[in-house]
Amino acid sequence: MSTVFQRERMRTMTNRTSGILMHITSLPGKFGIGTFGQPAYDFVDFLVETKQTYWQILPLTTTSYGDSPYQSFSAIAGNPHLIDFELLAEEGLLDEADFSEQDFGKEADSVDYALLYQVRRPILEKAVDRFLQDDKRKRDFAAFEKANASWLTDYAEFMAIKEHFGNKALQEWDDKEVIARNEEALDKYRLALADSIDYFKVCQYFFFSQWKALKAYANQHHIKIIGDMPIYVSADSVEVWTKPQLFKLDATRKPLYVAGVPADNFSKDGQLWGNPLYDWEQHEKTGYSWWIYRIHESFKLYDVLRIDHFKGFSDYWQVDGKAEVAKVGTWEPGPGYNLFKAVKESLGDLPIIAEDLGNIDAKARKLLADCGYPGMKILEFGFFDVTGKSIDAPHRCTPNSIAYTGTHDNEVINGWYNNLSAEQQEYVDAYSNRKPIEPVSQAMLRILFATVSDTAIATMQDVLDLGEDSRMNTPSTVGGNWQWRMKPEDLTQERKDFLLKMTKLYQRGNEHHD
């Protein structure tokens, strides 16, 4: 099936393409976490210099307990941790003294989320106060409020009330009337928490203004952003609060059933994600209007959208809401092609990537074929089987796919290789014709760029030849994840030269950068 994405590829990707997976939080800089500031613009310049086409990032939404961008308070609102203070200072909203002496964390290559939660807020409050004292800025903000009326006020009220109740999860708020969105109760909190509501709204204005400028810079330099949309939303989210009918919940908005995946080779208990499951019958009755809206909003942020856990749209694993592990559950039918047909009829053909990893059966493969979206190939998986028969083996890649050595959920190449058996290591070395002095990360990147997949995406840790402590996330664990940051000195000229050489050698260079 032809899509705009595929036709675009025929026009601009005749020489194939490549890109880098690197989340914003992992950028270097002085604020304890990557932001939309100068290092982000420098990263775009690096992509241009090495003739890349894509910058792939993780979800930009707010993070909660565990710091995962896949567990957000909102499917739409942006993460205020990514707002850059120097850019606010350039706007006259902060003085350098407001942030220059602040300790944002001692380790240059790790994010301390607990510290950032404490120290960033007072600085942002100063910027918000100055912003609201300026009449011209308030007019710009009014236009932003109007353009984002479908979600902004609900989000700000949710966050302000949540904070009022000591940041407890929605289901544990002390006022049952406001959980149920009783209008009288809501009015009481709107009045009492007006300043806090304004704070959360203006921070979204800062976020979207800065992101829009960064994305424009990338696009002007012919770099496209691949964004990421989690399939599920958090139980502790504004969507569960304002649209409970879309989920399988009880009367107090507690999930009757939650998402996860069954036991497999990686986890004997399965993975219990805990997200509330969708009431797909209700979504069907509305013509999938919320999904159409959500995808439409996503394309305001990104040029290409990766949809996480695509398998969940053909069949999803349903676990009892009170269960402690995910291994006991049932497969239930998802919406299938009807959902994506409705999206296409409303929004047209869209450049979407399907994350088709995990338990992919014939039904899931058929859904992917019906949609025509490119799927993903993970080369690390392809080398577990030394017979070469794995569907993820490099020689089994297909043109309409996006090839990775691994994603944010996998080990970096050095850690992966070190944990292979001797037989598997020998297979990797023989397959790649690796010489003893060649780093295994370079051998794997060489294989990646050589595949027939239309697009190859390298993780930044592997470009930098980093060790296993640079892994971004270990699924089914809480704490210690999402913390890796790049050090500026890691990106040597030698590493840039290697990336450029592979990009050109395997005809993946961005034609605009010649």
Protein backbone atom coordinates (compact mmCIF):
# COMPACT_ATOMS: atom_id res chain seq x y z
CA MET A 1 0.00 0.00 0.00
CA SER A 2 1.38 3.38 -0.97
CA THR A 3 1.56 6.12 1.62
CA VAL A 4 2.80 9.68 1.58
CA PHE A 5 5.74 8.45 3.67
CA GLN A 6 6.67 5.93 0.98
CA ARG A 7 6.19 8.39 -1.89
CA GLU A 8 8.30 10.94 -0.01
CA ARG A 9 10.94 8.26 0.34
CA MET A 10 10.90 7.67 -3.41
CA ARG A 11 11.50 11.37 -3.99
CA THR A 12 13.98 12.31 -1.28
CA MET A 13 15.38 8.95 -0.21
CA THR A 14 16.54 7.50 -3.52
CA ASN A 15 19.94 7.18 -1.85
CA ARG A 16 18.35 5.83 1.35
CA THR A 17 18.54 7.64 4.66
CA SER A 18 19.82 7.51 8.21
CA GLY A 19 19.49 9.30 11.50
CA ILE A 20 20.31 9.31 15.19
CA LEU A 21 18.22 8.30 18.22
CA MET A 22 19.00 10.77 21.00
CA HIS A 23 16.43 12.10 23.46
CA ILE A 24 16.44 15.78 24.42
CA THR A 25 17.14 14.95 28.08
CA SER A 26 20.42 13.29 27.02
CA LEU A 27 21.88 16.42 25.46
CA PRO A 28 24.82 18.03 27.26
CA GLY A 29 24.48 21.43 28.97
CA LYS A 30 24.65 23.23 32.29
CA PHE A 31 21.13 22.68 33.64
CA GLY A 32 21.35 19.05 34.82
CA ILE A 33 19.25 17.80 31.90
CA GLY A 34 19.18 18.33 28.16
CA THR A 35 16.97 21.26 27.13
CA PHE A 36 15.88 23.16 24.03
CA GLY A 37 18.90 25.49 24.38
CA GLN A 38 22.13 25.89 22.44
CA PRO A 39 23.34 22.25 22.75
CA ALA A 40 20.15 21.16 20.94
CA TYR A 41 20.96 23.51 18.06
CA ASP A 42 24.54 22.21 18.11
CA PHE A 43 23.16 18.68 17.79
CA VAL A 44 21.24 19.67 14.67
CA ASP A 45 24.51 21.05 13.27
CA PHE A 46 26.19 17.70 14.01
CA LEU A 47 23.42 15.88 12.10
CA VAL A 48 23.95 18.23 9.15
CA GLU A 49 27.72 17.77 9.29
CA THR A 50 27.37 13.97 9.14
CA LYS A 51 24.69 14.12 6.39
CA GLN A 52 21.89 12.63 8.49
CA THR A 53 18.20 13.05 7.65
CA TYR A 54 16.47 12.21 10.94
CA TRP A 55 16.69 13.09 14.60
CA GLN A 56 14.62 10.56 16.55
CA ILE A 57 13.54 11.46 20.09
CA LEU A 58 11.40 9.94 22.84
CA PRO A 59 8.01 11.40 23.90
CA LEU A 60 8.20 15.10 24.89
CA THR A 61 5.31 14.80 27.33
CA THR A 62 5.48 15.36 31.10
CA THR A 63 7.01 12.64 33.27
CA SER A 64 5.84 11.36 36.65
CA TYR A 65 6.94 8.67 39.12
CA GLY A 66 9.87 6.74 37.62
CA ASP A 67 10.69 9.62 35.23
CA SER A 68 9.50 7.67 32.19
CA PRO A 69 8.34 9.68 29.16
CA TYR A 70 5.96 6.76 28.55
CA GLN A 71 4.06 7.49 31.80
CA SER A 72 2.74 11.01 31.47
CA PHE A 73 0.21 13.24 33.22
CA SER A 74 -1.00 14.32 29.77
CA ALA A 75 -0.98 12.91 26.25
CA ILE A 76 -0.44 16.42 24.87
CA ALA A 77 1.33 18.73 27.39
CA GLY A 78 5.11 19.16 27.15
CA ASN A 79 7.72 18.40 29.80
CA PRO A 80 8.72 21.68 31.54
CA HIS A 81 12.14 20.19 32.42
CA LEU A 82 13.06 20.78 28.76
CA ILE A 83 12.51 24.56 28.94
CA ASP A 84 15.88 26.29 28.61
CA PHE A 85 16.73 29.07 31.09
CA GLU A 86 19.22 30.85 28.83
CA LEU A 87 16.54 31.23 26.18
CA LEU A 88 14.20 32.69 28.81
CA ALA A 89 16.98 35.11 29.81
CA GLU A 90 17.36 36.18 26.17
CA GLU A 91 13.65 36.99 26.24
CA GLY A 92 14.18 39.17 29.31
CA LEU A 93 12.19 36.78 31.51
CA LEU A 94 15.14 35.79 33.71
CA ASP A 95 18.41 37.33 34.84
CA GLU A 96 21.49 35.15 34.58
CA ALA A 97 21.85 35.45 38.36
CA ASP A 98 18.52 33.61 38.70
CA PHE A 99 20.13 30.35 37.61
CA SER A 100 23.92 30.72 37.23
CA GLU A 101 24.78 29.78 40.84
CA GLN A 102 22.22 26.98 41.15
CA ASP A 103 23.44 23.40 41.54
CA PHE A 104 21.57 21.25 39.01
CA GLY A 105 23.46 18.05 39.79
CA LYS A 106 27.07 17.08 40.08
CA GLU A 107 27.30 14.29 37.50
CA ALA A 108 27.71 15.62 33.98
CA ASP A 109 26.55 12.35 32.39
CA SER A 110 23.47 11.64 34.53
CA VAL A 111 20.13 13.35 35.26
CA ASP A 112 19.10 13.82 38.92
CA TYR A 113 15.32 14.13 38.48
CA ALA A 114 14.54 14.52 42.18
CA LEU A 115 16.92 17.48 42.44
CA LEU A 116 15.62 19.09 39.23
CA TYR A 117 12.06 18.82 40.51
CA GLN A 118 13.07 20.92 43.51
CA VAL A 119 15.38 23.51 41.96
CA ARG A 120 13.80 24.29 38.59
CA ARG A 121 10.38 25.31 39.91
CA PRO A 122 11.37 28.59 41.69
CA ILE A 123 13.30 29.70 38.61
CA LEU A 124 10.38 29.00 36.30
CA GLU A 125 8.04 30.81 38.69
CA LYS A 126 10.16 33.97 38.35
CA ALA A 127 9.93 33.76 34.57
CA VAL A 128 6.17 33.20 34.70
CA ASP A 129 5.68 36.21 37.01
CA ARG A 130 7.63 38.50 34.70
CA PHE A 131 5.81 37.13 31.69
CA LEU A 132 2.39 37.89 33.19
CA GLN A 133 3.38 41.48 33.99
CA ASP A 134 3.91 42.28 30.30
CA ASP A 135 0.73 43.21 28.40
CA LYS A 136 2.13 42.39 24.95
CA ARG A 137 3.24 38.96 26.10
CA LYS A 138 -0.17 38.39 27.66
CA ARG A 139 -1.75 39.03 24.25
CA ASP A 140 0.53 36.40 22.67
CA PHE A 141 -0.37 34.05 25.50
CA ALA A 142 -4.10 34.63 24.95
CA ALA A 143 -3.65 33.53 21.32
CA PHE A 144 -1.78 30.42 22.53
CA GLU A 145 -4.57 29.67 25.03
CA LYS A 146 -7.18 29.93 22.30
CA ALA A 147 -5.22 27.71 19.89
CA ASN A 148 -4.79 25.06 22.60
CA ALA A 149 -8.16 25.35 24.32
CA SER A 150 -8.90 21.67 23.71
CA TRP A 151 -6.38 20.55 26.35
CA LEU A 152 -4.50 23.41 28.05
CA THR A 153 -6.97 24.45 30.78
CA ASP A 154 -7.85 20.86 31.69
CA TYR A 155 -4.14 20.02 32.02
CA ALA A 156 -3.33 23.10 34.13
CA GLU A 157 -6.28 22.49 36.45
CA PHE A 158 -5.33 18.84 36.83
CA MET A 159 -1.74 19.68 37.73
CA ALA A 160 -2.68 22.48 40.14
CA ILE A 161 -5.21 20.31 41.98
CA LYS A 162 -2.82 17.36 42.01
CA GLU A 163 -0.15 19.58 43.57
CA HIS A 164 -2.68 20.87 46.10
CA PHE A 165 -3.20 17.26 47.23
CA GLY A 166 0.52 16.68 47.76
CA ASN A 167 1.07 15.27 44.26
CA LYS A 168 -0.94 12.15 45.05
CA ALA A 169 -2.25 10.14 42.11
CA LEU A 170 -5.68 11.21 40.83
CA GLN A 171 -7.43 8.21 42.43
CA GLU A 172 -6.03 9.16 45.86
CA TRP A 173 -7.06 12.82 45.97
CA ASP A 174 -8.71 13.75 49.26
CA ASP A 175 -11.79 15.30 47.63
CA LYS A 176 -13.97 12.70 45.88
CA GLU A 177 -16.15 15.43 44.39
CA VAL A 178 -13.26 16.88 42.42
CA ILE A 179 -12.16 13.42 41.27
CA ALA A 180 -15.67 13.06 39.85
CA ARG A 181 -15.42 16.58 38.34
CA ASN A 182 -18.40 17.97 40.24
CA GLU A 183 -18.75 21.48 38.80
CA GLU A 184 -19.15 23.22 42.17
CA ALA A 185 -16.01 21.55 43.50
CA LEU A 186 -14.11 22.46 40.34
CA ASP A 187 -15.12 26.12 40.64
CA LYS A 188 -13.87 26.20 44.23
CA TYR A 189 -10.41 24.94 43.20
CA ARG A 190 -10.26 27.14 40.11
CA LEU A 191 -10.65 30.17 42.36
CA ALA A 192 -8.29 29.01 45.11
CA LEU A 193 -5.57 27.78 42.76
CA ALA A 194 -5.75 30.46 40.06
CA ASP A 195 -2.05 31.42 40.34
CA SER A 196 -0.93 27.80 40.17
CA ILE A 197 -3.16 27.16 37.14
CA ASP A 198 -1.60 30.17 35.40
CA TYR A 199 1.87 28.83 36.19
CA PHE A 200 1.18 25.50 34.51
CA LYS A 201 -0.36 27.22 31.49
CA VAL A 202 2.50 29.67 30.95
CA CYS A 203 5.09 26.90 31.28
CA GLN A 204 3.35 25.19 28.36
CA TYR A 205 3.65 28.43 26.39
CA PHE A 206 7.40 28.46 27.12
CA PHE A 207 7.73 24.79 26.17
CA PHE A 208 5.90 25.02 22.85
CA SER A 209 7.55 28.31 21.87
CA GLN A 210 11.04 26.91 22.43
CA TRP A 211 10.30 23.56 20.78
CA LYS A 212 8.70 25.24 17.76
CA ALA A 213 11.83 27.36 17.25
CA LEU A 214 14.16 24.35 17.58
CA LYS A 215 12.10 22.23 15.19
CA ALA A 216 12.01 25.10 12.70
CA TYR A 217 15.83 25.30 12.85
CA ALA A 218 16.08 21.55 12.25
CA ASN A 219 13.64 21.65 9.33
CA GLN A 220 15.38 24.67 7.77
CA HIS A 221 18.53 22.53 7.80
CA HIS A 222 16.64 19.61 6.22
CA ILE A 223 16.58 17.54 9.40
CA LYS A 224 13.27 15.83 10.16
CA ILE A 225 12.11 14.97 13.67
CA ILE A 226 10.85 11.45 14.40
CA GLY A 227 8.66 11.68 17.49
CA ASP A 228 7.25 8.90 19.62
CA MET A 229 3.66 8.33 20.73
CA PRO A 230 3.05 5.85 23.57
CA ILE A 231 0.03 3.66 22.88
CA TYR A 232 -1.31 4.11 26.44
CA VAL A 233 -1.78 7.00 28.87
CA SER A 234 -1.11 6.92 32.59
CA ALA A 235 -3.83 6.11 35.14
CA ASP A 236 -2.73 9.34 36.84
CA SER A 237 -3.50 11.59 33.88
CA VAL A 238 -5.75 14.40 32.81
CA GLU A 239 -7.31 12.12 30.17
CA VAL A 240 -8.47 9.61 32.79
CA TRP A 241 -9.82 12.53 34.83
CA THR A 242 -11.68 14.31 32.02
CA LYS A 243 -12.56 11.42 29.64
CA PRO A 244 -13.15 8.36 31.86
CA GLN A 245 -15.61 6.91 29.34
CA LEU A 246 -12.71 6.13 26.99
CA PHE A 247 -11.13 3.68 29.46
CA LYS A 248 -12.06 0.54 31.41
CA LEU A 249 -12.43 2.15 34.86
CA ASP A 250 -14.56 1.79 37.96
CA ALA A 251 -16.64 4.65 39.39
CA THR A 252 -13.62 6.12 41.21
CA ARG A 253 -11.50 6.12 38.03
CA LYS A 254 -9.41 3.17 39.14
CA PRO A 255 -8.48 0.85 36.25
CA LEU A 256 -10.50 -2.37 36.12
CA TYR A 257 -7.83 -3.79 33.83
CA VAL A 258 -4.31 -2.66 33.05
CA ALA A 259 -1.82 -3.03 30.21
CA GLY A 260 1.29 -5.16 30.01
CA VAL A 261 2.81 -8.05 28.13
CA PRO A 262 2.91 -11.74 29.08
CA ALA A 263 5.97 -13.67 30.24
CA ASP A 264 8.69 -14.12 27.61
CA ASN A 265 12.42 -14.82 27.34
CA PHE A 266 13.19 -11.42 28.86
CA SER A 267 10.79 -11.54 31.83
CA LYS A 268 9.38 -14.63 33.58
CA ASP A 269 6.54 -12.58 35.13
CA GLY A 270 5.81 -10.51 32.04
CA GLN A 271 5.81 -6.72 32.11
CA LEU A 272 3.11 -5.00 34.16
CA TRP A 273 2.82 -1.47 32.76
CA GLY A 274 -0.21 -0.50 34.86
CA ASN A 275 -1.81 1.80 32.27
CA PRO A 276 -5.60 1.71 32.04
CA LEU A 277 -6.89 -0.09 28.97
CA TYR A 278 -9.11 1.55 26.38
CA ASP A 279 -12.80 0.83 26.03
CA TRP A 280 -12.49 0.22 22.28
CA GLU A 281 -16.26 -0.11 21.79
CA GLN A 282 -16.67 3.45 23.07
CA HIS A 283 -13.87 4.71 20.80
CA GLU A 284 -15.55 3.03 17.83
CA LYS A 285 -18.87 4.74 18.64
CA THR A 286 -17.16 8.14 18.41
CA GLY A 287 -15.48 7.30 15.10
CA TYR A 288 -12.15 7.16 16.96
CA SER A 289 -12.31 10.94 17.36
CA TRP A 290 -9.89 11.05 20.33
CA TRP A 291 -7.26 9.09 18.39
CA ILE A 292 -7.66 11.32 15.36
CA TYR A 293 -7.22 14.34 17.64
CA ARG A 294 -4.21 12.84 19.42
CA ILE A 295 -2.40 11.97 16.19
CA HIS A 296 -3.25 15.39 14.72
CA GLU A 297 -1.73 17.07 17.79
CA SER A 298 1.37 14.85 17.52
CA PHE A 299 2.03 16.05 13.98
CA LYS A 300 2.14 19.61 15.26
CA LEU A 301 5.30 18.52 17.12
CA TYR A 302 6.94 16.01 14.80
CA ASP A 303 7.57 15.36 11.11
CA VAL A 304 7.29 11.57 11.44
CA LEU A 305 5.48 9.67 14.20
CA ARG A 306 6.56 6.34 15.69
CA ILE A 307 3.59 4.62 17.33
CA ASP A 308 4.73 2.53 20.27
CA HIS A 309 3.51 -1.06 20.82
CA PHE A 310 1.69 -1.39 17.49
CA LYS A 311 0.80 -4.99 18.41
CA GLY A 312 -1.70 -3.55 20.93
CA PHE A 313 -3.95 -2.37 18.10
CA SER A 314 -4.47 -5.91 16.75
CA ASP A 315 -4.60 -7.67 20.14
CA TYR A 316 -3.66 -6.43 23.60
CA TRP A 317 -2.73 -8.19 26.85
CA GLN A 318 -5.36 -7.52 29.53
CA VAL A 319 -4.42 -7.95 33.20
CA ASP A 320 -6.68 -7.56 36.23
CA GLY A 321 -6.29 -4.10 37.77
CA LYS A 322 -5.37 -5.61 41.15
CA ALA A 323 -2.72 -8.02 39.80
CA GLU A 324 0.89 -7.66 40.92
CA VAL A 325 2.48 -9.34 37.89
CA ALA A 326 1.46 -9.49 34.23
CA LYS A 327 1.90 -13.19 33.45
CA VAL A 328 -1.77 -14.00 34.18
CA GLY A 329 -3.98 -12.24 31.67
CA THR A 330 -5.84 -12.63 28.38
CA TRP A 331 -5.36 -11.51 24.80
CA GLU A 332 -8.24 -9.28 23.75
CA PRO A 333 -9.01 -7.96 20.25
CA GLY A 334 -7.93 -4.39 19.51
CA PRO A 335 -9.57 -1.99 17.03
CA GLY A 336 -7.53 -3.27 14.08
CA TYR A 337 -7.53 -1.49 10.76
CA ASN A 338 -10.79 0.36 11.51
CA LEU A 339 -8.88 2.82 13.70
CA PHE A 340 -6.21 3.60 11.11
CA LYS A 341 -8.78 3.75 8.33
CA ALA A 342 -10.62 6.45 10.33
CA VAL A 343 -7.33 8.31 10.90
CA LYS A 344 -6.51 8.16 7.19
CA GLU A 345 -9.99 9.32 6.15
CA SER A 346 -9.73 12.29 8.50
CA LEU A 347 -6.04 13.26 8.26
CA GLY A 348 -4.89 11.69 4.98
CA ASP A 349 -1.78 9.57 4.49
CA LEU A 350 0.71 10.21 7.28
CA PRO A 351 4.40 9.35 7.78
CA ILE A 352 3.98 6.80 10.59
CA ILE A 353 6.41 4.15 11.82
CA ALA A 354 4.95 1.10 13.57
CA GLU A 355 6.87 -0.28 16.56
CA ASP A 356 6.12 -3.89 15.66
CA LEU A 357 8.31 -5.62 18.24
CA GLY A 358 7.49 -8.38 20.68
CA ASN A 359 4.79 -11.03 20.19
CA ILE A 360 4.02 -10.33 16.52
CA ASP A 361 1.60 -12.91 15.14
CA ALA A 362 -0.14 -13.24 11.76
CA LYS A 363 -2.93 -10.87 12.80
CA ALA A 364 -0.46 -8.14 13.80
CA ARG A 365 1.52 -8.64 10.58
CA LYS A 366 -1.67 -8.31 8.54
CA LEU A 367 -2.56 -5.04 10.32
CA LEU A 368 0.88 -3.65 9.52
CA ALA A 369 0.54 -4.72 5.86
CA ASP A 370 -2.96 -3.20 5.62
CA CYS A 371 -1.69 0.11 7.01
CA GLY A 372 1.42 0.08 4.82
CA TYR A 373 3.54 1.58 7.59
CA PRO A 374 7.22 0.64 7.81
CA GLY A 375 8.00 -1.60 10.77
CA MET A 376 11.20 -1.90 12.80
CA LYS A 377 14.15 -4.29 12.69
CA ILE A 378 16.37 -4.64 15.80
CA LEU A 379 19.73 -6.12 14.78
CA GLU A 380 20.70 -7.03 18.35
CA PHE A 381 17.80 -9.52 18.36
CA GLY A 382 19.04 -10.98 15.07
CA PHE A 383 22.30 -12.27 16.57
CA PHE A 384 20.83 -14.23 19.48
CA ASP A 385 20.12 -17.03 16.98
CA VAL A 386 23.49 -18.09 15.53
CA THR A 387 21.78 -19.98 12.68
CA GLY A 388 20.93 -16.65 11.00
CA LYS A 389 17.22 -17.48 10.80
CA SER A 390 15.97 -14.66 13.04
CA ILE A 391 13.61 -12.19 11.35
CA ASP A 392 15.83 -9.44 12.79
CA ALA A 393 19.05 -10.76 11.20
CA PRO A 394 20.56 -8.04 8.99
CA HIS A 395 20.17 -10.16 5.83
CA ARG A 396 16.45 -10.50 6.56
CA CYS A 397 15.75 -6.77 6.68
CA THR A 398 13.24 -5.46 4.13
CA PRO A 399 13.26 -2.10 2.32
CA ASN A 400 10.03 -0.82 3.92
CA SER A 401 11.49 -0.87 7.43
CA ILE A 402 13.50 1.19 9.88
CA ALA A 403 16.60 -0.66 11.10
CA TYR A 404 18.18 -0.12 14.53
CA THR A 405 20.93 -1.90 16.39
CA GLY A 406 18.73 -1.37 19.46
CA THR A 407 16.29 1.18 20.88
CA HIS A 408 16.07 3.04 24.20
CA ASP A 409 14.76 -0.21 25.76
CA ASN A 410 17.75 -2.32 24.69
CA GLU A 411 21.35 -2.54 25.80
CA VAL A 412 23.89 -0.35 24.04
CA ILE A 413 26.05 -2.41 21.67
CA ASN A 414 29.02 -2.75 24.06
CA GLY A 415 26.83 -3.98 26.91
CA TRP A 416 24.89 -6.29 24.61
CA TYR A 417 28.02 -7.85 23.14
CA ASN A 418 29.61 -8.36 26.57
CA ASN A 419 26.52 -10.28 27.70
CA LEU A 420 26.42 -12.62 24.68
CA SER A 421 27.68 -16.19 24.90
CA ALA A 422 31.09 -16.99 23.41
CA GLU A 423 29.33 -18.69 20.48
CA GLN A 424 27.15 -15.63 19.84
CA GLN A 425 30.18 -13.31 20.04
CA GLU A 426 32.02 -15.48 17.50
CA TYR A 427 28.97 -15.29 15.22
CA VAL A 428 28.87 -11.47 15.47
CA ASP A 429 32.59 -11.22 14.73
CA ALA A 430 32.42 -13.61 11.77
CA TYR A 431 29.25 -12.05 10.35
CA SER A 432 30.68 -8.54 10.50
CA ASN A 433 34.17 -9.63 9.41
CA ARG A 434 35.34 -7.73 12.45
CA LYS A 435 39.04 -7.25 12.96
CA PRO A 436 40.36 -7.53 16.55
CA ILE A 437 41.16 -3.80 16.73
CA GLU A 438 37.74 -2.68 15.49
CA PRO A 439 35.29 -1.65 18.26
CA VAL A 440 32.22 -3.90 18.16
CA SER A 441 30.02 -0.78 18.14
CA GLN A 442 31.59 0.29 14.84
CA ALA A 443 31.23 -3.21 13.37
CA MET A 444 27.52 -3.23 14.22
CA LEU A 445 26.96 0.27 12.89
CA ARG A 446 28.67 -0.79 9.68
CA ILE A 447 26.21 -3.69 9.36
CA LEU A 448 23.29 -1.42 10.25
CA PHE A 449 24.06 1.12 7.54
CA ALA A 450 24.61 -1.67 5.00
CA THR A 451 21.13 -3.22 5.42
CA VAL A 452 18.52 -2.84 2.68
CA SER A 453 16.18 -1.08 5.14
CA ASP A 454 15.21 2.29 3.70
CA THR A 455 16.23 4.01 6.93
CA ALA A 456 18.92 3.18 9.49
CA ILE A 457 18.79 4.81 12.93
CA ALA A 458 21.87 4.66 15.17
CA THR A 459 21.62 5.27 18.90
CA MET A 460 23.94 8.06 20.01
CA GLN A 461 25.57 5.94 22.71
CA ASP A 462 26.76 3.52 20.02
CA VAL A 463 28.07 6.32 17.80
CA LEU A 464 30.06 7.42 20.87
CA ASP A 465 31.20 3.82 21.62
CA LEU A 466 29.96 4.04 25.22
CA GLY A 467 29.71 1.25 27.78
CA GLU A 468 26.71 -0.49 29.28
CA ASP A 469 26.27 2.15 32.00
CA SER A 470 24.97 4.48 29.26
CA ARG A 471 21.83 2.36 28.71
CA MET A 472 18.70 4.54 28.66
CA ASN A 473 16.08 2.16 30.05
CA THR A 474 15.72 -1.38 31.38
CA PRO A 475 12.04 -2.43 30.98
CA SER A 476 10.20 -3.65 34.10
CA THR A 477 12.48 -1.69 36.43
CA VAL A 478 11.79 1.58 38.23
CA GLY A 479 14.63 3.91 39.16
CA GLY A 480 17.98 4.40 37.49
CA ASN A 481 16.42 4.80 34.05
CA TRP A 482 16.20 7.73 31.61
CA GLN A 483 19.28 9.32 33.19
CA TRP A 484 22.03 9.03 30.59
CA ARG A 485 23.54 12.27 29.25
CA MET A 486 26.19 12.80 26.65
CA LYS A 487 29.38 14.65 27.56
CA PRO A 488 30.48 17.16 24.89
CA GLU A 489 33.98 15.66 24.82
CA ASP A 490 32.53 12.23 23.89
CA LEU A 491 31.76 13.47 20.37
CA THR A 492 35.24 13.44 18.87
CA GLN A 493 36.12 14.28 15.28
CA GLU A 494 37.08 10.63 14.78
CA ARG A 495 33.55 9.51 15.70
CA LYS A 496 31.97 12.12 13.45
CA ASP A 497 34.24 11.00 10.62
CA PHE A 498 33.25 7.35 11.07
CA LEU A 499 29.53 8.19 11.04
CA LEU A 500 29.94 10.34 7.94
CA LYS A 501 31.98 7.63 6.23
CA MET A 502 29.30 4.96 6.87
CA THR A 503 26.53 7.32 5.81
CA LYS A 504 28.23 8.08 2.48
CA LEU A 505 29.59 4.57 1.87
CA TYR A 506 26.15 3.00 2.09
CA GLN A 507 24.43 5.82 0.16
CA ARG A 508 22.36 7.16 3.05
CA GLY A 509 23.59 10.76 2.87
CA ASN A 510 21.06 13.60 2.98
CA GLU A 511 21.17 15.06 -0.53
CA HIS A 512 20.49 18.55 0.82
CA HIS A 513 23.79 18.45 2.72
CA ASP A 514 26.01 17.85 -0.32
